[in-house]
Amino acid sequence: MVYITVMLSFAIVEGMIGITHTNVHLVRDFLNSFLMISALVFSSKALELSLNKEDEDYEYGYRRFNILAAFVNSVYLMFSFMFNFVDNLHHMVEHWEIDSHNSSNSSSAHDHSHND
């Protein structure tokens, strides 16, 4: 519970700073952290419920909540993969554009110095 509280407090501070400074990376980190915390809380509660014995409402017991917890974790991992993949692809393309722009500027400056 302490881990979740610390992570949530860091995520809230990160989100507030990202929104006030209009920093997209901090807002993206906030959303990723919030999604992780939500999946962790939901899975923890489902695992806790899966330990209950059978009763009138659930004649097979609460064992299926264990499967639900695993499903929530797998969905979180898929969304996390997609967020990170798109973000890394964006950074890679951005750096290629910067590198190609810098190399064309340096080569044109180099060509002008030899023409004198």
PDB file of N, CA and C in Angstrom:
ATOM      1  N   MET A   1       0.817  -1.193   0.000  1.00  0.00           N
ATOM      2  CA  MET A   1       0.000   0.000   0.000  1.00  0.00           C
ATOM      3  C   MET A   1       0.864   1.263   0.000  1.00  0.00           C
ATOM      4  N   VAL A   2       2.009   1.201   0.652  1.00  0.00           N
ATOM      5  CA  VAL A   2       2.917   2.347   0.689  1.00  0.00           C
ATOM      6  C   VAL A   2       3.460   2.625  -0.716  1.00  0.00           C
ATOM      7  N   TYR A   3       3.806   1.555  -1.430  1.00  0.00           N
ATOM      8  CA  TYR A   3       4.322   1.700  -2.792  1.00  0.00           C
ATOM      9  C   TYR A   3       3.304   2.402  -3.687  1.00  0.00           C
ATOM     10  N   ILE A   4       2.049   1.995  -3.592  1.00  0.00           N
ATOM     11  CA  ILE A   4       0.999   2.593  -4.419  1.00  0.00           C
ATOM     12  C   ILE A   4       0.815   4.063  -4.060  1.00  0.00           C
ATOM     13  N   THR A   5       0.849   4.381  -2.783  1.00  0.00           N
ATOM     14  CA  THR A   5       0.685   5.767  -2.344  1.00  0.00           C
ATOM     15  C   THR A   5       1.836   6.647  -2.832  1.00  0.00           C
ATOM     16  N   VAL A   6       3.054   6.151  -2.731  1.00  0.00           N
ATOM     17  CA  VAL A   6       4.215   6.918  -3.186  1.00  0.00           C
ATOM     18  C   VAL A   6       4.157   7.111  -4.697  1.00  0.00           C
ATOM     19  N   MET A   7       3.860   6.053  -5.430  1.00  0.00           N
ATOM     20  CA  MET A   7       3.770   6.146  -6.886  1.00  0.00           C
ATOM     21  C   MET A   7       2.664   7.104  -7.316  1.00  0.00           C
ATOM     22  N   LEU A   8       1.522   7.052  -6.639  1.00  0.00           N
ATOM     23  CA  LEU A   8       0.414   7.940  -6.971  1.00  0.00           C
ATOM     24  C   LEU A   8       0.768   9.395  -6.691  1.00  0.00           C
ATOM     25  N   SER A   9       1.449   9.652  -5.583  1.00  0.00           N
ATOM     26  CA  SER A   9       1.830  11.035  -5.278  1.00  0.00           C
ATOM     27  C   SER A   9       2.834  11.564  -6.300  1.00  0.00           C
ATOM     28  N   PHE A  10       3.815  10.748  -6.701  1.00  0.00           N
ATOM     29  CA  PHE A  10       4.759  11.169  -7.734  1.00  0.00           C
ATOM     30  C   PHE A  10       4.048  11.398  -9.062  1.00  0.00           C
ATOM     31  N   ALA A  11       3.088  10.525  -9.396  1.00  0.00           N
ATOM     32  CA  ALA A  11       2.363  10.666 -10.657  1.00  0.00           C
ATOM     33  C   ALA A  11       1.536  11.943 -10.677  1.00  0.00           C
ATOM     34  N   ILE A  12       0.896  12.268  -9.563  1.00  0.00           N
ATOM     35  CA  ILE A  12       0.079  13.490  -9.505  1.00  0.00           C
ATOM     36  C   ILE A  12       0.957  14.731  -9.648  1.00  0.00           C
ATOM     37  N   VAL A  13       2.085  14.754  -8.954  1.00  0.00           N
ATOM     38  CA  VAL A  13       3.004  15.892  -9.067  1.00  0.00           C
ATOM     39  C   VAL A  13       3.536  16.001 -10.488  1.00  0.00           C
ATOM     40  N   GLU A  14       3.890  14.872 -11.081  1.00  0.00           N
ATOM     41  CA  GLU A  14       4.393  14.858 -12.447  1.00  0.00           C
ATOM     42  C   GLU A  14       3.336  15.358 -13.425  1.00  0.00           C
ATOM     43  N   GLY A  15       2.088  14.947 -13.232  1.00  0.00           N
ATOM     44  CA  GLY A  15       1.008  15.401 -14.100  1.00  0.00           C
ATOM     45  C   GLY A  15       0.741  16.888 -13.954  1.00  0.00           C
ATOM     46  N   MET A  16       0.761  17.400 -12.720  1.00  0.00           N
ATOM     47  CA  MET A  16       0.516  18.831 -12.512  1.00  0.00           C
ATOM     48  C   MET A  16       1.636  19.673 -13.118  1.00  0.00           C
ATOM     49  N   ILE A  17       2.874  19.246 -12.944  1.00  0.00           N
ATOM     50  CA  ILE A  17       3.999  19.986 -13.530  1.00  0.00           C
ATOM     51  C   ILE A  17       3.933  19.916 -15.052  1.00  0.00           C
ATOM     52  N   GLY A  18       3.608  18.745 -15.588  1.00  0.00           N
ATOM     53  CA  GLY A  18       3.512  18.598 -17.037  1.00  0.00           C
ATOM     54  C   GLY A  18       2.427  19.462 -17.643  1.00  0.00           C
ATOM     55  N   ILE A  19       1.289  19.579 -16.949  1.00  0.00           N
ATOM     56  CA  ILE A  19       0.196  20.403 -17.470  1.00  0.00           C
ATOM     57  C   ILE A  19       0.528  21.886 -17.346  1.00  0.00           C
ATOM     58  N   THR A  20       1.081  22.303 -16.206  1.00  0.00           N
ATOM     59  CA  THR A  20       1.382  23.726 -16.029  1.00  0.00           C
ATOM     60  C   THR A  20       2.502  24.200 -16.938  1.00  0.00           C
ATOM     61  N   HIS A  21       3.464  23.328 -17.245  1.00  0.00           N
ATOM     62  CA  HIS A  21       4.580  23.707 -18.115  1.00  0.00           C
ATOM     63  C   HIS A  21       4.380  23.229 -19.548  1.00  0.00           C
ATOM     64  N   THR A  22       3.206  22.687 -19.836  1.00  0.00           N
ATOM     65  CA  THR A  22       2.856  22.134 -21.166  1.00  0.00           C
ATOM     66  C   THR A  22       3.967  21.237 -21.713  1.00  0.00           C
ATOM     67  N   ASN A  23       4.385  20.298 -20.877  1.00  0.00           N
ATOM     68  CA  ASN A  23       5.407  19.333 -21.258  1.00  0.00           C
ATOM     69  C   ASN A  23       4.714  18.014 -21.572  1.00  0.00           C
ATOM     70  N   VAL A  24       4.723  17.642 -22.839  1.00  0.00           N
ATOM     71  CA  VAL A  24       4.013  16.451 -23.291  1.00  0.00           C
ATOM     72  C   VAL A  24       4.623  15.189 -22.698  1.00  0.00           C
ATOM     73  N   HIS A  25       5.918  15.161 -22.516  1.00  0.00           N
ATOM     74  CA  HIS A  25       6.580  13.968 -21.992  1.00  0.00           C
ATOM     75  C   HIS A  25       6.175  13.703 -20.543  1.00  0.00           C
ATOM     76  N   LEU A  26       6.064  14.746 -19.744  1.00  0.00           N
ATOM     77  CA  LEU A  26       5.632  14.558 -18.360  1.00  0.00           C
ATOM     78  C   LEU A  26       4.179  14.111 -18.286  1.00  0.00           C
ATOM     79  N   VAL A  27       3.341  14.652 -19.150  1.00  0.00           N
ATOM     80  CA  VAL A  27       1.937  14.231 -19.171  1.00  0.00           C
ATOM     81  C   VAL A  27       1.835  12.776 -19.612  1.00  0.00           C
ATOM     82  N   ARG A  28       2.642  12.371 -20.585  1.00  0.00           N
ATOM     83  CA  ARG A  28       2.641  10.978 -21.038  1.00  0.00           C
ATOM     84  C   ARG A  28       3.127  10.056 -19.921  1.00  0.00           C
ATOM     85  N   ASP A  29       4.153  10.471 -19.198  1.00  0.00           N
ATOM     86  CA  ASP A  29       4.624   9.676 -18.067  1.00  0.00           C
ATOM     87  C   ASP A  29       3.558   9.574 -16.979  1.00  0.00           C
ATOM     88  N   PHE A  30       2.834  10.678 -16.756  1.00  0.00           N
ATOM     89  CA  PHE A  30       1.738  10.660 -15.781  1.00  0.00           C
ATOM     90  C   PHE A  30       0.673   9.655 -16.195  1.00  0.00           C
ATOM     91  N   LEU A  31       0.280   9.681 -17.462  1.00  0.00           N
ATOM     92  CA  LEU A  31      -0.758   8.744 -17.929  1.00  0.00           C
ATOM     93  C   LEU A  31      -0.279   7.296 -17.826  1.00  0.00           C
ATOM     94  N   ASN A  32       0.980   7.058 -18.156  1.00  0.00           N
ATOM     95  CA  ASN A  32       1.528   5.712 -18.053  1.00  0.00           C
ATOM     96  C   ASN A  32       1.561   5.254 -16.595  1.00  0.00           C
ATOM     97  N   SER A  33       1.976   6.144 -15.691  1.00  0.00           N
ATOM     98  CA  SER A  33       2.011   5.800 -14.269  1.00  0.00           C
ATOM     99  C   SER A  33       0.611   5.573 -13.723  1.00  0.00           C
ATOM    100  N   PHE A  34      -0.333   6.412 -14.132  1.00  0.00           N
ATOM    101  CA  PHE A  34      -1.707   6.261 -13.668  1.00  0.00           C
ATOM    102  C   PHE A  34      -2.308   4.948 -14.154  1.00  0.00           C
ATOM    103  N   LEU A  35      -2.018   4.575 -15.394  1.00  0.00           N
ATOM    104  CA  LEU A  35      -2.497   3.296 -15.923  1.00  0.00           C
ATOM    105  C   LEU A  35      -1.871   2.132 -15.160  1.00  0.00           C
ATOM    106  N   MET A  36      -0.576   2.241 -14.844  1.00  0.00           N
ATOM    107  CA  MET A  36       0.099   1.188 -14.093  1.00  0.00           C
ATOM    108  C   MET A  36      -0.483   1.052 -12.687  1.00  0.00           C
ATOM    109  N   ILE A  37      -0.721   2.178 -12.022  1.00  0.00           N
ATOM    110  CA  ILE A  37      -1.271   2.147 -10.673  1.00  0.00           C
ATOM    111  C   ILE A  37      -2.680   1.572 -10.681  1.00  0.00           C
ATOM    112  N   SER A  38      -3.488   1.958 -11.677  1.00  0.00           N
ATOM    113  CA  SER A  38      -4.847   1.430 -11.777  1.00  0.00           C
ATOM    114  C   SER A  38      -4.845  -0.081 -11.974  1.00  0.00           C
ATOM    115  N   ALA A  39      -3.982  -0.563 -12.858  1.00  0.00           N
ATOM    116  CA  ALA A  39      -3.895  -2.007 -13.092  1.00  0.00           C
ATOM    117  C   ALA A  39      -3.413  -2.725 -11.837  1.00  0.00           C
ATOM    118  N   LEU A  40      -2.460  -2.134 -11.130  1.00  0.00           N
ATOM    119  CA  LEU A  40      -1.933  -2.744  -9.908  1.00  0.00           C
ATOM    120  C   LEU A  40      -2.994  -2.830  -8.820  1.00  0.00           C
ATOM    121  N   VAL A  41      -3.761  -1.753  -8.629  1.00  0.00           N
ATOM    122  CA  VAL A  41      -4.806  -1.744  -7.604  1.00  0.00           C
ATOM    123  C   VAL A  41      -5.902  -2.741  -7.958  1.00  0.00           C
ATOM    124  N   PHE A  42      -6.333  -2.731  -9.210  1.00  0.00           N
ATOM    125  CA  PHE A  42      -7.394  -3.649  -9.622  1.00  0.00           C
ATOM    126  C   PHE A  42      -6.950  -5.104  -9.497  1.00  0.00           C
ATOM    127  N   SER A  43      -5.737  -5.388  -9.927  1.00  0.00           N
ATOM    128  CA  SER A  43      -5.228  -6.762  -9.844  1.00  0.00           C
ATOM    129  C   SER A  43      -5.043  -7.207  -8.401  1.00  0.00           C
ATOM    130  N   SER A  44      -4.564  -6.309  -7.556  1.00  0.00           N
ATOM    131  CA  SER A  44      -4.392  -6.652  -6.142  1.00  0.00           C
ATOM    132  C   SER A  44      -5.735  -6.974  -5.493  1.00  0.00           C
ATOM    133  N   LYS A  45      -6.741  -6.176  -5.791  1.00  0.00           N
ATOM    134  CA  LYS A  45      -8.068  -6.420  -5.233  1.00  0.00           C
ATOM    135  C   LYS A  45      -8.656  -7.728  -5.772  1.00  0.00           C
ATOM    136  N   ALA A  46      -8.445  -8.004  -7.058  1.00  0.00           N
ATOM    137  CA  ALA A  46      -8.943  -9.249  -7.632  1.00  0.00           C
ATOM    138  C   ALA A  46      -8.241 -10.456  -7.019  1.00  0.00           C
ATOM    139  N   LEU A  47      -6.943 -10.360  -6.795  1.00  0.00           N
ATOM    140  CA  LEU A  47      -6.220 -11.464  -6.152  1.00  0.00           C
ATOM    141  C   LEU A  47      -6.678 -11.656  -4.713  1.00  0.00           C
ATOM    142  N   GLU A  48      -6.966 -10.565  -4.040  1.00  0.00           N
ATOM    143  CA  GLU A  48      -7.484 -10.654  -2.669  1.00  0.00           C
ATOM    144  C   GLU A  48      -8.856 -11.337  -2.656  1.00  0.00           C
ATOM    145  N   LEU A  49      -9.705 -10.991  -3.605  1.00  0.00           N
ATOM    146  CA  LEU A  49     -11.034 -11.617  -3.685  1.00  0.00           C
ATOM    147  C   LEU A  49     -10.955 -13.086  -4.081  1.00  0.00           C
ATOM    148  N   SER A  50      -9.918 -13.445  -4.848  1.00  0.00           N
ATOM    149  CA  SER A  50      -9.808 -14.840  -5.296  1.00  0.00           C
ATOM    150  C   SER A  50      -9.529 -15.797  -4.144  1.00  0.00           C
ATOM    151  N   LEU A  51      -9.105 -15.290  -3.007  1.00  0.00           N
ATOM    152  CA  LEU A  51      -8.830 -16.145  -1.855  1.00  0.00           C
ATOM    153  C   LEU A  51     -10.085 -16.483  -1.059  1.00  0.00           C
ATOM    154  N   ASN A  52     -11.195 -15.793  -1.327  1.00  0.00           N
ATOM    155  CA  ASN A  52     -12.450 -16.066  -0.624  1.00  0.00           C
ATOM    156  C   ASN A  52     -12.994 -17.444  -0.996  1.00  0.00           C
ATOM    157  N   LYS A  53     -13.693 -18.051  -0.057  1.00  0.00           N
ATOM    158  CA  LYS A  53     -14.302 -19.365  -0.294  1.00  0.00           C
ATOM    159  C   LYS A  53     -15.629 -19.201  -1.025  1.00  0.00           C
ATOM    160  N   GLU A  54     -16.161 -20.300  -1.500  1.00  0.00           N
ATOM    161  CA  GLU A  54     -17.441 -20.256  -2.214  1.00  0.00           C
ATOM    162  C   GLU A  54     -18.579 -19.899  -1.256  1.00  0.00           C
ATOM    163  N   ASP A  55     -19.591 -19.245  -1.813  1.00  0.00           N
ATOM    164  CA  ASP A  55     -20.772 -18.887  -1.038  1.00  0.00           C
ATOM    165  C   ASP A  55     -22.010 -19.042  -1.932  1.00  0.00           C
ATOM    166  N   GLU A  56     -23.128 -18.481  -1.514  1.00  0.00           N
ATOM    167  CA  GLU A  56     -24.372 -18.638  -2.267  1.00  0.00           C
ATOM    168  C   GLU A  56     -24.306 -17.944  -3.634  1.00  0.00           C
ATOM    169  N   ASP A  57     -23.641 -16.816  -3.694  1.00  0.00           N
ATOM    170  CA  ASP A  57     -23.569 -16.075  -4.952  1.00  0.00           C
ATOM    171  C   ASP A  57     -22.570 -16.691  -5.929  1.00  0.00           C
ATOM    172  N   TYR A  58     -21.468 -17.162  -5.415  1.00  0.00           N
ATOM    173  CA  TYR A  58     -20.426 -17.745  -6.259  1.00  0.00           C
ATOM    174  C   TYR A  58     -20.191 -19.183  -5.816  1.00  0.00           C
ATOM    175  N   GLU A  59     -20.877 -20.106  -6.453  1.00  0.00           N
ATOM    176  CA  GLU A  59     -20.785 -21.502  -6.018  1.00  0.00           C
ATOM    177  C   GLU A  59     -19.445 -22.141  -6.383  1.00  0.00           C
ATOM    178  N   TYR A  60     -18.711 -21.548  -7.310  1.00  0.00           N
ATOM    179  CA  TYR A  60     -17.381 -22.059  -7.631  1.00  0.00           C
ATOM    180  C   TYR A  60     -16.295 -21.319  -6.859  1.00  0.00           C
ATOM    181  N   GLY A  61     -16.692 -20.445  -6.009  1.00  0.00           N
ATOM    182  CA  GLY A  61     -15.722 -19.640  -5.271  1.00  0.00           C
ATOM    183  C   GLY A  61     -15.330 -18.417  -6.073  1.00  0.00           C
ATOM    184  N   TYR A  62     -14.320 -17.777  -5.624  1.00  0.00           N
ATOM    185  CA  TYR A  62     -13.870 -16.540  -6.263  1.00  0.00           C
ATOM    186  C   TYR A  62     -12.590 -16.760  -7.063  1.00  0.00           C
ATOM    187  N   ARG A  63     -12.314 -17.998  -7.447  1.00  0.00           N
ATOM    188  CA  ARG A  63     -11.063 -18.309  -8.143  1.00  0.00           C
ATOM    189  C   ARG A  63     -10.948 -17.613  -9.496  1.00  0.00           C
ATOM    190  N   ARG A  64     -12.068 -17.277 -10.092  1.00  0.00           N
ATOM    191  CA  ARG A  64     -12.014 -16.641 -11.411  1.00  0.00           C
ATOM    192  C   ARG A  64     -11.457 -15.227 -11.351  1.00  0.00           C
ATOM    193  N   PHE A  65     -11.478 -14.609 -10.190  1.00  0.00           N
ATOM    194  CA  PHE A  65     -10.897 -13.280 -10.061  1.00  0.00           C
ATOM    195  C   PHE A  65      -9.391 -13.316 -10.302  1.00  0.00           C
ATOM    196  N   ASN A  66      -8.767 -14.461 -10.047  1.00  0.00           N
ATOM    197  CA  ASN A  66      -7.349 -14.620 -10.329  1.00  0.00           C
ATOM    198  C   ASN A  66      -7.092 -14.488 -11.831  1.00  0.00           C
ATOM    199  N   ILE A  67      -7.959 -15.077 -12.641  1.00  0.00           N
ATOM    200  CA  ILE A  67      -7.833 -14.983 -14.097  1.00  0.00           C
ATOM    201  C   ILE A  67      -8.085 -13.546 -14.552  1.00  0.00           C
ATOM    202  N   LEU A  68      -9.047 -12.882 -13.930  1.00  0.00           N
ATOM    203  CA  LEU A  68      -9.330 -11.491 -14.251  1.00  0.00           C
ATOM    204  C   LEU A  68      -8.123 -10.600 -13.947  1.00  0.00           C
ATOM    205  N   ALA A  69      -7.456 -10.874 -12.851  1.00  0.00           N
ATOM    206  CA  ALA A  69      -6.252 -10.106 -12.510  1.00  0.00           C
ATOM    207  C   ALA A  69      -5.161 -10.302 -13.562  1.00  0.00           C
ATOM    208  N   ALA A  70      -4.977 -11.525 -14.021  1.00  0.00           N
ATOM    209  CA  ALA A  70      -3.981 -11.783 -15.061  1.00  0.00           C
ATOM    210  C   ALA A  70      -4.362 -11.098 -16.370  1.00  0.00           C
ATOM    211  N   PHE A  71      -5.649 -11.069 -16.691  1.00  0.00           N
ATOM    212  CA  PHE A  71      -6.107 -10.402 -17.907  1.00  0.00           C
ATOM    213  C   PHE A  71      -5.850  -8.896 -17.832  1.00  0.00           C
ATOM    214  N   VAL A  72      -6.141  -8.301 -16.699  1.00  0.00           N
ATOM    215  CA  VAL A  72      -5.907  -6.856 -16.535  1.00  0.00           C
ATOM    216  C   VAL A  72      -4.424  -6.550 -16.683  1.00  0.00           C
ATOM    217  N   ASN A  73      -3.564  -7.369 -16.111  1.00  0.00           N
ATOM    218  CA  ASN A  73      -2.117  -7.158 -16.248  1.00  0.00           C
ATOM    219  C   ASN A  73      -1.669  -7.278 -17.695  1.00  0.00           C
ATOM    220  N   SER A  74      -2.216  -8.243 -18.430  1.00  0.00           N
ATOM    221  CA  SER A  74      -1.823  -8.397 -19.833  1.00  0.00           C
ATOM    222  C   SER A  74      -2.307  -7.222 -20.676  1.00  0.00           C
ATOM    223  N   VAL A  75      -3.500  -6.710 -20.399  1.00  0.00           N
ATOM    224  CA  VAL A  75      -3.990  -5.535 -21.129  1.00  0.00           C
ATOM    225  C   VAL A  75      -3.112  -4.323 -20.820  1.00  0.00           C
ATOM    226  N   TYR A  76      -2.740  -4.158 -19.549  1.00  0.00           N
ATOM    227  CA  TYR A  76      -1.845  -3.056 -19.191  1.00  0.00           C
ATOM    228  C   TYR A  76      -0.525  -3.178 -19.940  1.00  0.00           C
ATOM    229  N   LEU A  77       0.044  -4.370 -19.997  1.00  0.00           N
ATOM    230  CA  LEU A  77       1.328  -4.547 -20.678  1.00  0.00           C
ATOM    231  C   LEU A  77       1.213  -4.249 -22.169  1.00  0.00           C
ATOM    232  N   MET A  78       0.099  -4.606 -22.787  1.00  0.00           N
ATOM    233  CA  MET A  78      -0.084  -4.310 -24.213  1.00  0.00           C
ATOM    234  C   MET A  78      -0.183  -2.800 -24.445  1.00  0.00           C
ATOM    235  N   PHE A  79      -0.959  -2.087 -23.609  1.00  0.00           N
ATOM    236  CA  PHE A  79      -1.058  -0.638 -23.756  1.00  0.00           C
ATOM    237  C   PHE A  79       0.279   0.031 -23.463  1.00  0.00           C
ATOM    238  N   SER A  80       0.978  -0.447 -22.473  1.00  0.00           N
ATOM    239  CA  SER A  80       2.280   0.115 -22.140  1.00  0.00           C
ATOM    240  C   SER A  80       3.261  -0.080 -23.298  1.00  0.00           C
ATOM    241  N   PHE A  81       3.233  -1.255 -23.907  1.00  0.00           N
ATOM    242  CA  PHE A  81       4.087  -1.508 -25.060  1.00  0.00           C
ATOM    243  C   PHE A  81       3.766  -0.547 -26.194  1.00  0.00           C
ATOM    244  N   MET A  82       2.485  -0.345 -26.474  1.00  0.00           N
ATOM    245  CA  MET A  82       2.097   0.533 -27.572  1.00  0.00           C
ATOM    246  C   MET A  82       2.508   1.982 -27.294  1.00  0.00           C
ATOM    247  N   PHE A  83       2.276   2.467 -26.064  1.00  0.00           N
ATOM    248  CA  PHE A  83       2.691   3.831 -25.716  1.00  0.00           C
ATOM    249  C   PHE A  83       4.196   3.997 -25.897  1.00  0.00           C
ATOM    250  N   ASN A  84       4.967   3.061 -25.379  1.00  0.00           N
ATOM    251  CA  ASN A  84       6.424   3.165 -25.468  1.00  0.00           C
ATOM    252  C   ASN A  84       6.918   3.020 -26.899  1.00  0.00           C
ATOM    253  N   PHE A  85       6.305   2.130 -27.676  1.00  0.00           N
ATOM    254  CA  PHE A  85       6.709   1.933 -29.065  1.00  0.00           C
ATOM    255  C   PHE A  85       6.487   3.203 -29.875  1.00  0.00           C
ATOM    256  N   VAL A  86       5.313   3.803 -29.741  1.00  0.00           N
ATOM    257  CA  VAL A  86       5.009   5.025 -30.487  1.00  0.00           C
ATOM    258  C   VAL A  86       5.919   6.161 -30.043  1.00  0.00           C
ATOM    259  N   ASP A  87       6.161   6.280 -28.750  1.00  0.00           N
ATOM    260  CA  ASP A  87       7.026   7.342 -28.245  1.00  0.00           C
ATOM    261  C   ASP A  87       8.459   7.167 -28.750  1.00  0.00           C
ATOM    262  N   ASN A  88       8.978   5.947 -28.705  1.00  0.00           N
ATOM    263  CA  ASN A  88      10.335   5.699 -29.193  1.00  0.00           C
ATOM    264  C   ASN A  88      10.437   5.902 -30.693  1.00  0.00           C
ATOM    265  N   LEU A  89       9.414   5.526 -31.435  1.00  0.00           N
ATOM    266  CA  LEU A  89       9.406   5.750 -32.871  1.00  0.00           C
ATOM    267  C   LEU A  89       9.413   7.246 -33.173  1.00  0.00           C
ATOM    268  N   HIS A  90       8.647   8.014 -32.415  1.00  0.00           N
ATOM    269  CA  HIS A  90       8.621   9.464 -32.585  1.00  0.00           C
ATOM    270  C   HIS A  90      10.001  10.069 -32.320  1.00  0.00           C
ATOM    271  N   HIS A  91      10.651   9.648 -31.237  1.00  0.00           N
ATOM    272  CA  HIS A  91      11.986  10.170 -30.924  1.00  0.00           C
ATOM    273  C   HIS A  91      13.001   9.780 -31.993  1.00  0.00           C
ATOM    274  N   MET A  92      12.902   8.566 -32.513  1.00  0.00           N
ATOM    275  CA  MET A  92      13.841   8.112 -33.522  1.00  0.00           C
ATOM    276  C   MET A  92      13.698   8.944 -34.798  1.00  0.00           C
ATOM    277  N   VAL A  93      12.467   9.175 -35.245  1.00  0.00           N
ATOM    278  CA  VAL A  93      12.237   9.976 -36.446  1.00  0.00           C
ATOM    279  C   VAL A  93      12.661  11.415 -36.216  1.00  0.00           C
ATOM    280  N   GLU A  94      12.385  11.937 -35.025  1.00  0.00           N
ATOM    281  CA  GLU A  94      12.772  13.311 -34.700  1.00  0.00           C
ATOM    282  C   GLU A  94      14.289  13.471 -34.753  1.00  0.00           C
ATOM    283  N   HIS A  95      15.032  12.498 -34.240  1.00  0.00           N
ATOM    284  CA  HIS A  95      16.495  12.582 -34.263  1.00  0.00           C
ATOM    285  C   HIS A  95      17.027  12.413 -35.678  1.00  0.00           C
ATOM    286  N   TRP A  96      16.389  11.592 -36.501  1.00  0.00           N
ATOM    287  CA  TRP A  96      16.815  11.472 -37.896  1.00  0.00           C
ATOM    288  C   TRP A  96      16.639  12.796 -38.626  1.00  0.00           C
ATOM    289  N   GLU A  97      15.515  13.486 -38.365  1.00  0.00           N
ATOM    290  CA  GLU A  97      15.287  14.771 -39.007  1.00  0.00           C
ATOM    291  C   GLU A  97      16.320  15.789 -38.562  1.00  0.00           C
ATOM    292  N   ILE A  98      16.647  15.805 -37.283  1.00  0.00           N
ATOM    293  CA  ILE A  98      17.641  16.754 -36.764  1.00  0.00           C
ATOM    294  C   ILE A  98      19.012  16.436 -37.335  1.00  0.00           C
ATOM    295  N   ASP A  99      19.386  15.142 -37.362  1.00  0.00           N
ATOM    296  CA  ASP A  99      20.692  14.750 -37.894  1.00  0.00           C
ATOM    297  C   ASP A  99      20.810  15.073 -39.372  1.00  0.00           C
ATOM    298  N   SER A 100      19.759  14.794 -40.143  1.00  0.00           N
ATOM    299  CA  SER A 100      19.828  15.065 -41.581  1.00  0.00           C
ATOM    300  C   SER A 100      19.857  16.571 -41.833  1.00  0.00           C
ATOM    301  N   HIS A 101      19.152  17.350 -41.019  1.00  0.00           N
ATOM    302  CA  HIS A 101      19.174  18.803 -41.167  1.00  0.00           C
ATOM    303  C   HIS A 101      20.550  19.359 -40.815  1.00  0.00           C
ATOM    304  N   ASN A 102      21.154  18.866 -39.755  1.00  0.00           N
ATOM    305  CA  ASN A 102      22.487  19.326 -39.348  1.00  0.00           C
ATOM    306  C   ASN A 102      23.545  18.925 -40.357  1.00  0.00           C
ATOM    307  N   SER A 103      23.438  17.722 -40.919  1.00  0.00           N
ATOM    308  CA  SER A 103      24.447  17.279 -41.879  1.00  0.00           C
ATOM    309  C   SER A 103      24.332  18.058 -43.185  1.00  0.00           C
ATOM    310  N   SER A 104      23.111  18.422 -43.602  1.00  0.00           N
ATOM    311  CA  SER A 104      22.971  19.205 -44.826  1.00  0.00           C
ATOM    312  C   SER A 104      23.475  20.627 -44.610  1.00  0.00           C
ATOM    313  N   ASN A 105      23.284  21.192 -43.424  1.00  0.00           N
ATOM    314  CA  ASN A 105      23.805  22.528 -43.135  1.00  0.00           C
ATOM    315  C   ASN A 105      25.320  22.528 -43.071  1.00  0.00           C
ATOM    316  N   SER A 106      25.913  21.523 -42.471  1.00  0.00           N
ATOM    317  CA  SER A 106      27.367  21.486 -42.365  1.00  0.00           C
ATOM    318  C   SER A 106      28.006  21.211 -43.724  1.00  0.00           C
ATOM    319  N   SER A 107      27.366  20.385 -44.562  1.00  0.00           N
ATOM    320  CA  SER A 107      27.945  20.120 -45.876  1.00  0.00           C
ATOM    321  C   SER A 107      27.822  21.338 -46.779  1.00  0.00           C
ATOM    322  N   SER A 108      26.721  22.097 -46.692  1.00  0.00           N
ATOM    323  CA  SER A 108      26.591  23.302 -47.508  1.00  0.00           C
ATOM    324  C   SER A 108      27.557  24.378 -47.025  1.00  0.00           C
ATOM    325  N   ALA A 109      27.778  24.478 -45.733  1.00  0.00           N
ATOM    326  CA  ALA A 109      28.751  25.433 -45.205  1.00  0.00           C
ATOM    327  C   ALA A 109      30.153  25.023 -45.620  1.00  0.00           C
ATOM    328  N   HIS A 110      30.406  23.720 -45.658  1.00  0.00           N
ATOM    329  CA  HIS A 110      31.709  23.220 -46.075  1.00  0.00           C
ATOM    330  C   HIS A 110      31.935  23.506 -47.553  1.00  0.00           C
ATOM    331  N   ASP A 111      30.905  23.366 -48.381  1.00  0.00           N
ATOM    332  CA  ASP A 111      31.014  23.643 -49.816  1.00  0.00           C
ATOM    333  C   ASP A 111      31.268  25.129 -50.068  1.00  0.00           C
ATOM    334  N   HIS A 112      30.641  26.007 -49.316  1.00  0.00           N
ATOM    335  CA  HIS A 112      30.830  27.437 -49.506  1.00  0.00           C
ATOM    336  C   HIS A 112      32.228  27.875 -49.116  1.00  0.00           C
ATOM    337  N   SER A 113      32.824  27.222 -48.139  1.00  0.00           N
ATOM    338  CA  SER A 113      34.167  27.616 -47.711  1.00  0.00           C
ATOM    339  C   SER A 113      35.200  27.238 -48.776  1.00  0.00           C
ATOM    340  N   HIS A 114      34.973  26.148 -49.551  1.00  0.00           N
ATOM    341  CA  HIS A 114      35.909  25.742 -50.578  1.00  0.00           C
ATOM    342  C   HIS A 114      35.734  26.575 -51.851  1.00  0.00           C
ATOM    343  N   ASN A 115      34.599  27.186 -52.050  1.00  0.00           N
ATOM    344  CA  ASN A 115      34.363  27.970 -53.262  1.00  0.00           C
ATOM    345  C   ASN A 115      35.044  29.328 -53.209  1.00  0.00           C
ATOM    346  N   ASP A 116      35.498  29.770 -52.061  1.00  0.00           N
ATOM    347  CA  ASP A 116      36.138  31.093 -51.958  1.00  0.00           C
ATOM    348  C   ASP A 116      37.460  31.119 -52.567  1.00  0.00           C
TER     349      ASP A 116
END
